[in-house]
C-alpha atoms as a PDB file:
ATOM      1  CA  MET A   1     107.621 123.482 135.109  1.00  0.00           C
ATOM      2  CA  LEU A   2     106.279 124.254 131.193  1.00  0.00           C
ATOM      3  CA  PRO A   3     109.921 123.330 130.019  1.00  0.00           C
ATOM      4  CA  VAL A   4     109.564 119.727 132.347  1.00  0.00           C
ATOM      5  CA  VAL A   5     106.567 118.825 130.978  1.00  0.00           C
ATOM      6  CA  LEU A   6     107.656 120.137 127.039  1.00  0.00           C
ATOM      7  CA  ALA A   7     110.643 117.876 127.531  1.00  0.00           C
ATOM      8  CA  GLY A   8     108.686 114.710 128.979  1.00  0.00           C
ATOM      9  CA  GLY A   9     105.769 115.432 126.460  1.00  0.00           C
ATOM     10  CA  ILE A  10     107.781 115.389 123.179  1.00  0.00           C
ATOM     11  CA  LEU A  11     109.490 112.343 124.901  1.00  0.00           C
ATOM     12  CA  ILE A  12     106.562 110.068 125.347  1.00  0.00           C
ATOM     13  CA  VAL A  13     104.960 111.480 122.338  1.00  0.00           C
ATOM     14  CA  ARG A  14     107.940 110.406 119.800  1.00  0.00           C
ATOM     15  CA  LYS A  15     108.121 106.980 121.673  1.00  0.00           C
ATOM     16  CA  LEU A  16     104.456 106.250 121.213  1.00  0.00           C
ATOM     17  CA  ARG A  17     104.439 108.049 117.720  1.00  0.00           C
ATOM     18  CA  ARG A  18     101.014 109.927 118.485  1.00  0.00           C
ATOM     19  CA  LEU A  19     101.984 113.325 117.178  1.00  0.00           C
ATOM     20  CA  ASP A  20      98.926 113.419 115.108  1.00  0.00           C
ATOM     21  CA  LEU A  21      96.656 112.519 117.693  1.00  0.00           C
ATOM     22  CA  VAL A  22      98.573 115.514 120.136  1.00  0.00           C
ATOM     23  CA  ALA A  23      98.427 117.779 117.595  1.00  0.00           C
ATOM     24  CA  THR A  24      94.846 117.328 116.522  1.00  0.00           C
ATOM     25  CA  PHE A  25      93.750 117.944 120.034  1.00  0.00           C
ATOM     26  CA  GLY A  26      96.134 120.697 120.808  1.00  0.00           C
ATOM     27  CA  VAL A  27      94.791 122.774 117.099  1.00  0.00           C
ATOM     28  CA  VAL A  28      91.194 121.689 117.891  1.00  0.00           C
ATOM     29  CA  ALA A  29      91.186 123.190 121.819  1.00  0.00           C
ATOM     30  CA  LEU A  30      92.914 125.830 120.910  1.00  0.00           C
ATOM     31  CA  ALA A  31      91.029 126.899 118.273  1.00  0.00           C
ATOM     32  CA  THR A  32      87.765 126.226 120.782  1.00  0.00           C
ATOM     33  CA  ILE A  33      89.057 128.330 123.391  1.00  0.00           C
ATOM     34  CA  LEU A  34      89.462 130.777 120.882  1.00  0.00           C
ATOM     35  CA  ALA A  35      86.264 131.093 119.231  1.00  0.00           C
ATOM     36  CA  THR A  36      84.428 130.659 122.615  1.00  0.00           C
ATOM     37  CA  THR A  37      86.654 134.141 123.472  1.00  0.00           C
ATOM     38  CA  GLU A  38      85.954 137.896 122.893  1.00  0.00           C
ATOM     39  CA  PRO A  39      88.770 139.103 120.820  1.00  0.00           C
ATOM     40  CA  SER A  40      90.269 141.191 123.602  1.00  0.00           C
ATOM     41  CA  GLN A  41      90.956 138.760 125.589  1.00  0.00           C
ATOM     42  CA  TYR A  42      92.971 136.118 122.825  1.00  0.00           C
ATOM     43  CA  ALA A  43      96.482 136.528 124.880  1.00  0.00           C
ATOM     44  CA  THR A  44      95.145 136.292 127.755  1.00  0.00           C
ATOM     45  CA  ALA A  45      93.411 133.487 127.366  1.00  0.00           C
ATOM     46  CA  LEU A  46      96.098 131.889 125.662  1.00  0.00           C
ATOM     47  CA  THR A  47      98.698 132.157 128.386  1.00  0.00           C
ATOM     48  CA  GLU A  48      96.319 130.815 130.967  1.00  0.00           C
ATOM     49  CA  THR A  49      95.819 127.717 128.333  1.00  0.00           C
ATOM     50  CA  LEU A  50      99.722 127.380 127.993  1.00  0.00           C
ATOM     51  CA  GLY A  51     101.212 128.199 131.049  1.00  0.00           C
ATOM     52  CA  SER A  52      98.078 127.216 133.981  1.00  0.00           C
ATOM     53  CA  SER A  53      96.060 125.109 132.433  1.00  0.00           C
ATOM     54  CA  PRO A  54      96.580 121.418 132.400  1.00  0.00           C
ATOM     55  CA  LEU A  55      96.229 121.213 128.642  1.00  0.00           C
ATOM     56  CA  LEU A  56      99.881 119.944 128.154  1.00  0.00           C
ATOM     57  CA  PHE A  57     100.403 117.714 130.509  1.00  0.00           C
ATOM     58  CA  PHE A  58      96.441 116.021 129.503  1.00  0.00           C
ATOM     59  CA  ALA A  59      97.527 115.804 125.751  1.00  0.00           C
ATOM     60  CA  PHE A  60     100.714 114.050 126.509  1.00  0.00           C
ATOM     61  CA  VAL A  61     100.510 111.873 129.365  1.00  0.00           C
ATOM     62  CA  MET A  62      96.358 111.668 129.921  1.00  0.00           C
ATOM     63  CA  LEU A  63      95.558 111.713 125.987  1.00  0.00           C
ATOM     64  CA  THR A  64      98.111 109.161 125.117  1.00  0.00           C
ATOM     65  CA  GLU A  65      97.500 106.728 126.763  1.00  0.00           C
ATOM     66  CA  PRO A  66      97.950 103.233 124.511  1.00  0.00           C
ATOM     67  CA  LEU A  67      95.004 101.330 126.311  1.00  0.00           C
ATOM     68  CA  THR A  68      91.917 103.737 125.820  1.00  0.00           C
ATOM     69  CA  ALA A  69      93.415 105.572 122.607  1.00  0.00           C
ATOM     70  CA  PRO A  70      91.612 104.390 118.981  1.00  0.00           C
ATOM     71  CA  THR A  71      94.508 101.756 117.373  1.00  0.00           C
ATOM     72  CA  THR A  72      94.205 103.271 113.794  1.00  0.00           C
ATOM     73  CA  ARG A  73      94.793 106.779 112.667  1.00  0.00           C
ATOM     74  CA  TRP A  74      91.463 108.113 111.766  1.00  0.00           C
ATOM     75  CA  PRO A  75      89.719 107.036 114.401  1.00  0.00           C
ATOM     76  CA  ARG A  76      92.638 108.233 116.435  1.00  0.00           C
ATOM     77  CA  ILE A  77      92.090 111.935 114.708  1.00  0.00           C
ATOM     78  CA  ALA A  78      88.166 112.049 115.442  1.00  0.00           C
ATOM     79  CA  PHE A  79      88.836 111.080 118.829  1.00  0.00           C
ATOM     80  CA  ALA A  80      91.651 113.587 119.619  1.00  0.00           C
ATOM     81  CA  ALA A  81      89.193 116.568 118.012  1.00  0.00           C
ATOM     82  CA  ILE A  82      86.350 115.536 120.359  1.00  0.00           C
ATOM     83  CA  VAL A  83      88.301 115.539 123.349  1.00  0.00           C
ATOM     84  CA  GLY A  84      89.862 118.698 122.071  1.00  0.00           C
ATOM     85  CA  PHE A  85      86.526 120.054 121.612  1.00  0.00           C
ATOM     86  CA  LEU A  86      84.821 119.376 124.778  1.00  0.00           C
ATOM     87  CA  PHE A  87      88.126 120.464 127.062  1.00  0.00           C
ATOM     88  CA  ALA A  88      87.482 124.143 126.151  1.00  0.00           C
ATOM     89  CA  PRO A  89      85.831 125.714 129.359  1.00  0.00           C
ATOM     90  CA  ASN A  90      82.922 127.268 128.030  1.00  0.00           C
ATOM     91  CA  ILE A  91      81.413 124.387 126.244  1.00  0.00           C
ATOM     92  CA  HIS A  92      78.645 122.974 128.140  1.00  0.00           C
ATOM     93  CA  VAL A  93      75.033 121.120 127.620  1.00  0.00           C
ATOM     94  CA  GLY A  94      72.336 123.241 129.204  1.00  0.00           C
ATOM     95  CA  SER A  95      74.021 123.647 132.659  1.00  0.00           C
ATOM     96  CA  LEU A  96      76.431 121.228 132.396  1.00  0.00           C
ATOM     97  CA  TYR A  97      80.241 122.367 131.631  1.00  0.00           C
ATOM     98  CA  PHE A  98      82.907 119.785 130.690  1.00  0.00           C
ATOM     99  CA  THR A  99      85.968 119.350 132.247  1.00  0.00           C
ATOM    100  CA  PRO A 100      89.230 117.909 131.033  1.00  0.00           C
ATOM    101  CA  GLU A 101      87.266 114.698 133.040  1.00  0.00           C
ATOM    102  CA  LEU A 102      84.389 114.616 131.160  1.00  0.00           C
ATOM    103  CA  ALA A 103      86.136 115.276 127.740  1.00  0.00           C
ATOM    104  CA  LEU A 104      88.342 112.378 128.039  1.00  0.00           C
ATOM    105  CA  LEU A 105      85.389 110.173 129.566  1.00  0.00           C
ATOM    106  CA  THR A 106      83.455 110.820 126.710  1.00  0.00           C
ATOM    107  CA  GLY A 107      86.230 110.303 124.157  1.00  0.00           C
ATOM    108  CA  ASN A 108      86.896 107.359 125.991  1.00  0.00           C
ATOM    109  CA  LEU A 109      83.611 105.761 125.491  1.00  0.00           C
ATOM    110  CA  PHE A 110      84.102 107.089 121.326  1.00  0.00           C
ATOM    111  CA  ALA A 111      86.843 104.918 121.527  1.00  0.00           C
ATOM    112  CA  TYR A 112      85.677 101.847 122.809  1.00  0.00           C
ATOM    113  CA  ALA A 113      82.783 102.117 120.073  1.00  0.00           C
ATOM    114  CA  VAL A 114      85.028 102.161 117.242  1.00  0.00           C
ATOM    115  CA  SER A 115      88.371 100.368 118.362  1.00  0.00           C
ATOM    116  CA  PRO A 116      88.523  96.137 117.747  1.00  0.00           C
ATOM    117  CA  LYS A 117      87.457  94.153 121.063  1.00  0.00           C
ATOM    118  CA  GLY A 118      88.681  91.635 122.911  1.00  0.00           C
ATOM    119  CA  ARG A 119      91.710  90.544 124.259  1.00  0.00           C
ATOM    120  CA  PHE A 120      93.196  86.671 123.169  1.00  0.00           C
ATOM    121  CA  VAL A 121      94.794  84.115 124.673  1.00  0.00           C
ATOM    122  CA  LEU A 122      96.899  82.484 122.241  1.00  0.00           C
ATOM    123  CA  THR A 123      98.624  78.681 122.895  1.00  0.00           C
ATOM    124  CA  LEU A 124     101.960  78.134 121.453  1.00  0.00           C
ATOM    125  CA  GLU A 125     101.514  75.156 118.442  1.00  0.00           C
ATOM    126  CA  ARG A 126     105.433  74.992 117.806  1.00  0.00           C
ATOM    127  CA  ILE A 127     107.903  77.099 116.445  1.00  0.00           C
ATOM    128  CA  GLU A 128     110.033  77.531 113.197  1.00  0.00           C
ATOM    129  CA  GLN A 129     113.296  79.017 112.553  1.00  0.00           C
ATOM    130  CA  SER A 130     112.623  81.623 110.080  1.00  0.00           C
ATOM    131  CA  ALA A 131     116.716  82.627 109.579  1.00  0.00           C
ATOM    132  CA  VAL A 132     119.526  82.575 111.745  1.00  0.00           C
ATOM    133  CA  ASP A 133     118.513  84.043 115.459  1.00  0.00           C
ATOM    134  CA  SER A 134     115.152  84.431 113.543  1.00  0.00           C
ATOM    135  CA  TYR A 135     112.239  82.090 114.619  1.00  0.00           C
ATOM    136  CA  ASP A 136     108.514  82.156 114.130  1.00  0.00           C
ATOM    137  CA  PHE A 137     106.227  81.400 117.228  1.00  0.00           C
ATOM    138  CA  ILE A 138     103.028  79.733 116.004  1.00  0.00           C
ATOM    139  CA  PHE A 139      99.963  80.032 118.176  1.00  0.00           C
ATOM    140  CA  SER A 140      96.342  78.848 117.911  1.00  0.00           C
ATOM    141  CA  SER A 141      93.805  81.047 119.239  1.00  0.00           C
ATOM    142  CA  PRO A 142      90.288  79.842 120.318  1.00  0.00           C
ATOM    143  CA  ARG A 143      88.312  82.002 118.302  1.00  0.00           C
ATOM    144  CA  LYS A 144      88.708  83.568 115.119  1.00  0.00           C
ATOM    145  CA  LEU A 145      91.049  86.921 114.980  1.00  0.00           C
ATOM    146  CA  ALA A 146      89.638  89.552 112.510  1.00  0.00           C
ATOM    147  CA  PHE A 147      92.842  91.794 110.859  1.00  0.00           C
ATOM    148  CA  GLN A 148      94.302  93.463 107.619  1.00  0.00           C
ATOM    149  CA  ALA A 149      97.811  91.987 106.585  1.00  0.00           C
ATOM    150  CA  GLY A 150     100.302  94.223 108.132  1.00  0.00           C
ATOM    151  CA  GLN A 151      98.801  95.246 111.392  1.00  0.00           C
ATOM    152  CA  TYR A 152     100.264  94.315 114.760  1.00  0.00           C
ATOM    153  CA  LEU A 153      98.896  93.285 117.977  1.00  0.00           C
ATOM    154  CA  GLU A 154     100.500  94.475 121.918  1.00  0.00           C
ATOM    155  CA  TRP A 155     101.737  91.202 122.994  1.00  0.00           C
ATOM    156  CA  THR A 156     101.882  90.712 127.187  1.00  0.00           C
ATOM    157  CA  LEU A 157     104.104  87.773 128.533  1.00  0.00           C
ATOM    158  CA  GLY A 158     104.275  87.635 132.388  1.00  0.00           C
ATOM    159  CA  LEU A 159     108.048  87.944 133.637  1.00  0.00           C
ATOM    160  CA  ASP A 160     109.779  86.364 136.439  1.00  0.00           C
ATOM    161  CA  ARG A 161     112.280  89.178 135.946  1.00  0.00           C
ATOM    162  CA  SER A 162     111.101  92.277 134.428  1.00  0.00           C
ATOM    163  CA  ASP A 163     113.376  95.123 133.250  1.00  0.00           C
ATOM    164  CA  ASN A 164     112.787  98.736 132.362  1.00  0.00           C
ATOM    165  CA  ARG A 165     111.249  97.574 128.690  1.00  0.00           C
ATOM    166  CA  GLY A 166     108.343  95.829 130.866  1.00  0.00           C
ATOM    167  CA  ASN A 167     106.883  93.193 129.945  1.00  0.00           C
ATOM    168  CA  ARG A 168     104.704  94.132 126.738  1.00  0.00           C
ATOM    169  CA  ARG A 169     106.024  94.595 122.357  1.00  0.00           C
ATOM    170  CA  TYR A 170     104.203  95.548 119.709  1.00  0.00           C
ATOM    171  CA  PHE A 171     104.338  93.064 117.054  1.00  0.00           C
ATOM    172  CA  THR A 172     103.304  93.094 113.723  1.00  0.00           C
ATOM    173  CA  VAL A 173     101.282  89.534 112.495  1.00  0.00           C
ATOM    174  CA  ALA A 174     103.350  87.754 110.551  1.00  0.00           C
ATOM    175  CA  SER A 175     100.649  85.397 109.292  1.00  0.00           C
ATOM    176  CA  ALA A 176      98.208  86.317 106.714  1.00  0.00           C
ATOM    177  CA  PRO A 177      94.587  86.317 107.658  1.00  0.00           C
ATOM    178  CA  THR A 178      93.980  83.304 105.084  1.00  0.00           C
ATOM    179  CA  GLU A 179      96.132  81.458 107.768  1.00  0.00           C
ATOM    180  CA  GLN A 180      94.253  79.364 110.890  1.00  0.00           C
ATOM    181  CA  SER A 181      97.691  80.597 112.641  1.00  0.00           C
ATOM    182  CA  ILE A 182      98.930  83.368 114.499  1.00  0.00           C
ATOM    183  CA  ARG A 183     102.543  83.669 114.163  1.00  0.00           C
ATOM    184  CA  LEU A 184     105.062  86.090 115.650  1.00  0.00           C
ATOM    185  CA  GLY A 185     107.977  86.799 113.917  1.00  0.00           C
ATOM    186  CA  VAL A 186     111.458  87.449 116.223  1.00  0.00           C
ATOM    187  CA  LYS A 187     115.447  87.551 116.193  1.00  0.00           C
ATOM    188  CA  PHE A 188     117.222  87.302 119.180  1.00  0.00           C
ATOM    189  CA  TYR A 189     120.351  88.949 120.376  1.00  0.00           C
ATOM    190  CA  PRO A 190     122.492  87.919 122.586  1.00  0.00           C
ATOM    191  CA  GLN A 191     121.600  90.949 125.401  1.00  0.00           C
ATOM    192  CA  SER A 192     117.997  90.537 124.883  1.00  0.00           C
ATOM    193  CA  SER A 193     115.230  91.813 127.031  1.00  0.00           C
ATOM    194  CA  ALA A 194     113.519  90.239 129.822  1.00  0.00           C
ATOM    195  CA  PHE A 195     110.594  89.731 127.056  1.00  0.00           C
ATOM    196  CA  LYS A 196     112.467  88.010 124.630  1.00  0.00           C
ATOM    197  CA  GLN A 197     114.116  85.835 127.189  1.00  0.00           C
ATOM    198  CA  MET A 198     111.033  85.126 128.541  1.00  0.00           C
ATOM    199  CA  LEU A 199     109.523  84.173 124.808  1.00  0.00           C
ATOM    200  CA  GLY A 200     112.627  82.342 124.462  1.00  0.00           C
ATOM    201  CA  THR A 201     111.829  79.364 126.992  1.00  0.00           C
ATOM    202  CA  MET A 202     108.199  78.908 125.627  1.00  0.00           C
ATOM    203  CA  LYS A 203     107.531  75.502 125.059  1.00  0.00           C
ATOM    204  CA  PRO A 204     104.404  74.173 122.892  1.00  0.00           C
ATOM    205  CA  GLY A 205     101.187  74.641 125.275  1.00  0.00           C
ATOM    206  CA  SER A 206     102.617  77.791 126.766  1.00  0.00           C
ATOM    207  CA  THR A 207     100.147  80.875 126.046  1.00  0.00           C
ATOM    208  CA  ILE A 208     101.115  85.020 125.803  1.00  0.00           C
ATOM    209  CA  HIS A 209      98.340  87.288 125.592  1.00  0.00           C
ATOM    210  CA  ALA A 210      97.588  89.873 122.890  1.00  0.00           C
ATOM    211  CA  SER A 211      95.320  92.753 122.639  1.00  0.00           C
ATOM    212  CA  GLN A 212      94.796  96.070 120.611  1.00  0.00           C
ATOM    213  CA  LEU A 213      95.051  95.350 117.380  1.00  0.00           C
ATOM    214  CA  ALA A 214      96.360  98.498 115.115  1.00  0.00           C
ATOM    215  CA  GLY A 215      97.841  99.477 112.401  1.00  0.00           C
ATOM    216  CA  ASP A 216      97.816 101.520 108.969  1.00  0.00           C
ATOM    217  CA  PHE A 217     100.599  99.967 107.087  1.00  0.00           C
ATOM    218  CA  THR A 218      98.476  97.592 105.555  1.00  0.00           C
ATOM    219  CA  LEU A 219      97.581  96.948 101.533  1.00  0.00           C
ATOM    220  CA  PRO A 220      96.195  99.955  99.297  1.00  0.00           C
ATOM    221  CA  ALA A 221      92.268  99.600  98.359  1.00  0.00           C
ATOM    222  CA  ASN A 222      93.727  99.731  94.950  1.00  0.00           C
ATOM    223  CA  PRO A 223      94.774  96.655  93.926  1.00  0.00           C
ATOM    224  CA  GLU A 224      96.459  98.429  90.329  1.00  0.00           C
ATOM    225  CA  THR A 225      98.873 100.864  92.644  1.00  0.00           C
ATOM    226  CA  LYS A 226     102.594  99.969  92.205  1.00  0.00           C
ATOM    227  CA  ILE A 227     104.338  98.777  95.407  1.00  0.00           C
ATOM    228  CA  ALA A 228     108.143  98.601  96.227  1.00  0.00           C
ATOM    229  CA  PHE A 229     108.473  96.630  99.937  1.00  0.00           C
ATOM    230  CA  LEU A 230     111.573  97.836 101.250  1.00  0.00           C
ATOM    231  CA  ALA A 231     112.747  95.643 104.149  1.00  0.00           C
ATOM    232  CA  GLY A 232     115.850  94.134 106.203  1.00  0.00           C
ATOM    233  CA  GLY A 233     115.903  91.434 108.412  1.00  0.00           C
ATOM    234  CA  ILE A 234     113.114  90.439 110.781  1.00  0.00           C
ATOM    235  CA  GLY A 235     112.104  93.420 109.443  1.00  0.00           C
ATOM    236  CA  ILE A 236     110.196  91.959 106.586  1.00  0.00           C
ATOM    237  CA  THR A 237     107.822  90.342 108.797  1.00  0.00           C
ATOM    238  CA  PRO A 238     104.404  93.106 107.407  1.00  0.00           C
ATOM    239  CA  PHE A 239     105.484  91.858 104.372  1.00  0.00           C
ATOM    240  CA  ARG A 240     105.393  88.302 104.784  1.00  0.00           C
ATOM    241  CA  SER A 241     101.858  88.589 106.042  1.00  0.00           C
ATOM    242  CA  MET A 242     100.802  90.545 103.123  1.00  0.00           C
ATOM    243  CA  LEU A 243     102.478  88.581 100.421  1.00  0.00           C
ATOM    244  CA  GLN A 244     100.941  84.995 101.485  1.00  0.00           C
ATOM    245  CA  TYR A 245      97.520  86.567 101.990  1.00  0.00           C
ATOM    246  CA  LEU A 246      97.942  87.788  97.873  1.00  0.00           C
ATOM    247  CA  ILE A 247      99.203  83.342  97.095  1.00  0.00           C
ATOM    248  CA  ASP A 248      96.278  82.405  99.240  1.00  0.00           C
ATOM    249  CA  SER A 249      94.145  84.710  97.365  1.00  0.00           C
ATOM    250  CA  ARG A 250      95.610  84.199  94.422  1.00  0.00           C
ATOM    251  CA  GLU A 251      95.254  88.016  93.695  1.00  0.00           C
ATOM    252  CA  LYS A 252      98.106  89.439  91.259  1.00  0.00           C
ATOM    253  CA  ARG A 253      99.686  93.142  91.946  1.00  0.00           C
ATOM    254  CA  PRO A 254     102.540  95.194  91.010  1.00  0.00           C
ATOM    255  CA  ILE A 255     104.891  94.762  93.456  1.00  0.00           C
ATOM    256  CA  VAL A 256     108.673  93.973  94.173  1.00  0.00           C
ATOM    257  CA  VAL A 257     110.759  93.518  96.941  1.00  0.00           C
ATOM    258  CA  LEU A 258     113.683  95.470  98.176  1.00  0.00           C
ATOM    259  CA  TYR A 259     115.194  92.978 100.904  1.00  0.00           C
ATOM    260  CA  GLY A 260     118.174  93.741 103.002  1.00  0.00           C
ATOM    261  CA  ALA A 261     120.341  91.441 105.380  1.00  0.00           C
ATOM    262  CA  GLU A 262     123.631  91.003 106.689  1.00  0.00           C
ATOM    263  CA  THR A 263     124.194  87.682 105.775  1.00  0.00           C
ATOM    264  CA  ARG A 264     122.325  85.055 103.687  1.00  0.00           C
ATOM    265  CA  GLN A 265     122.015  83.318 106.624  1.00  0.00           C
ATOM    266  CA  ASP A 266     119.633  86.297 107.629  1.00  0.00           C
ATOM    267  CA  ILE A 267     116.961  86.280 104.655  1.00  0.00           C
ATOM    268  CA  ALA A 268     113.506  84.903 106.075  1.00  0.00           C
ATOM    269  CA  TYR A 269     110.803  83.737 104.634  1.00  0.00           C
ATOM    270  CA  ARG A 270     112.385  82.629 101.653  1.00  0.00           C
ATOM    271  CA  ASP A 271     109.990  79.989 101.170  1.00  0.00           C
ATOM    272  CA  VAL A 272     107.168  82.498 101.060  1.00  0.00           C
ATOM    273  CA  LEU A 273     109.331  85.209  98.817  1.00  0.00           C
ATOM    274  CA  GLY A 274     109.924  82.013  96.136  1.00  0.00           C
ATOM    275  CA  GLU A 275     106.112  81.118  96.130  1.00  0.00           C
ATOM    276  CA  ALA A 276     105.497  84.640  95.245  1.00  0.00           C
ATOM    277  CA  ARG A 277     107.691  84.602  92.694  1.00  0.00           C
ATOM    278  CA  ARG A 278     106.470  81.579  90.768  1.00  0.00           C
ATOM    279  CA  GLU A 279     102.603  82.096  91.541  1.00  0.00           C
ATOM    280  CA  LEU A 280     102.545  85.696  91.417  1.00  0.00           C
ATOM    281  CA  GLY A 281     105.210  87.167  89.821  1.00  0.00           C
ATOM    282  CA  ILE A 282     106.126  88.910  92.703  1.00  0.00           C
ATOM    283  CA  ARG A 283     110.230  89.716  92.284  1.00  0.00           C
ATOM    284  CA  THR A 284     112.343  89.897  95.215  1.00  0.00           C
ATOM    285  CA  VAL A 285     115.900  91.974  94.969  1.00  0.00           C
ATOM    286  CA  PHE A 286     118.840  91.242  97.441  1.00  0.00           C
ATOM    287  CA  ALA A 287     120.991  93.549  99.451  1.00  0.00           C
ATOM    288  CA  VAL A 288     123.387  91.369 101.151  1.00  0.00           C
ATOM    289  CA  ALA A 289     126.008  93.518 103.376  1.00  0.00           C
ATOM    290  CA  ARG A 290     128.782  90.456 103.712  1.00  0.00           C
ATOM    291  CA  GLY A 291     129.216  87.013 102.307  1.00  0.00           C
ATOM    292  CA  PRO A 292     128.570  85.847  99.308  1.00  0.00           C
ATOM    293  CA  SER A 293     126.087  87.000  97.426  1.00  0.00           C
ATOM    294  CA  ALA A 294     122.402  85.653  97.329  1.00  0.00           C
ATOM    295  CA  ALA A 295     122.143  84.345  93.669  1.00  0.00           C
ATOM    296  CA  SER A 296     121.745  81.223  94.657  1.00  0.00           C
ATOM    297  CA  ILE A 297     118.439  81.845  96.121  1.00  0.00           C
ATOM    298  CA  PRO A 298     115.543  80.076  94.102  1.00  0.00           C
ATOM    299  CA  ALA A 299     112.617  81.740  92.221  1.00  0.00           C
ATOM    300  CA  THR A 300     114.294  84.942  92.782  1.00  0.00           C
ATOM    301  CA  SER A 301     115.800  88.072  91.574  1.00  0.00           C
ATOM    302  CA  THR A 302     119.475  88.805  93.259  1.00  0.00           C
ATOM    303  CA  ARG A 303     121.761  91.949  93.847  1.00  0.00           C
ATOM    304  CA  ALA A 304     125.018  91.103  95.815  1.00  0.00           C
END
């Protein structure tokens, strides 16, 4: 079963992008097991841990559950280290010896303490087209969503007909923390998923659930840090959030935007890019694969 668990686990970790979580847990768990074992028993302990214990299944499947793990990097690593330490069979408090279940429960309590709380029910206000086949869904929230520009949410829709991708997606919050509305930018394709098909049928007044605020892809703390924003198509959404935040805050930073698109019509958020150029001196360099160059886009520099 070991090859099956390894193969399946690697696929899960790759899909969820949680290598830091699993690696930290594995290193701490194995180090703690060896530290609490007689040196003469190291080989036996490692063989039993990797071959007979639930360590690998626990790390790949149970530890990586998105709903119970912290959503940002350093709390996530601390969570993995706590669970890894308590996973070792010789760890105990008085007469209470920790089991994998108790180790995970303790880690979950830590995760709950450090993670953003709450699930938001957002109401659609309007839909705006940002580029060809790309639209912004603009929502209102009954309470303030505190986030940093560049972070993302887990978005959940009730589907009449589901597919193998399910009813949940992770999308960047395209709006800035300084804006009142919550903005979701999405590109639609001819063979869209069931989630996007349902999203495309939403009308003003429809609702969507958002939760699991996360993400470390945010502006550096040092405003003097030189930055190049590299984006393609609708993948510019986190930079739209950051640029709008800087515009609203009147904060100048040494930033250049490198933006690639298939055609000029695929360029999104021209208004924000232009305003960032005029107000903050942030230059955008476009690379357009097909058709006329982007040279006529106002208030930007271009390259075809």
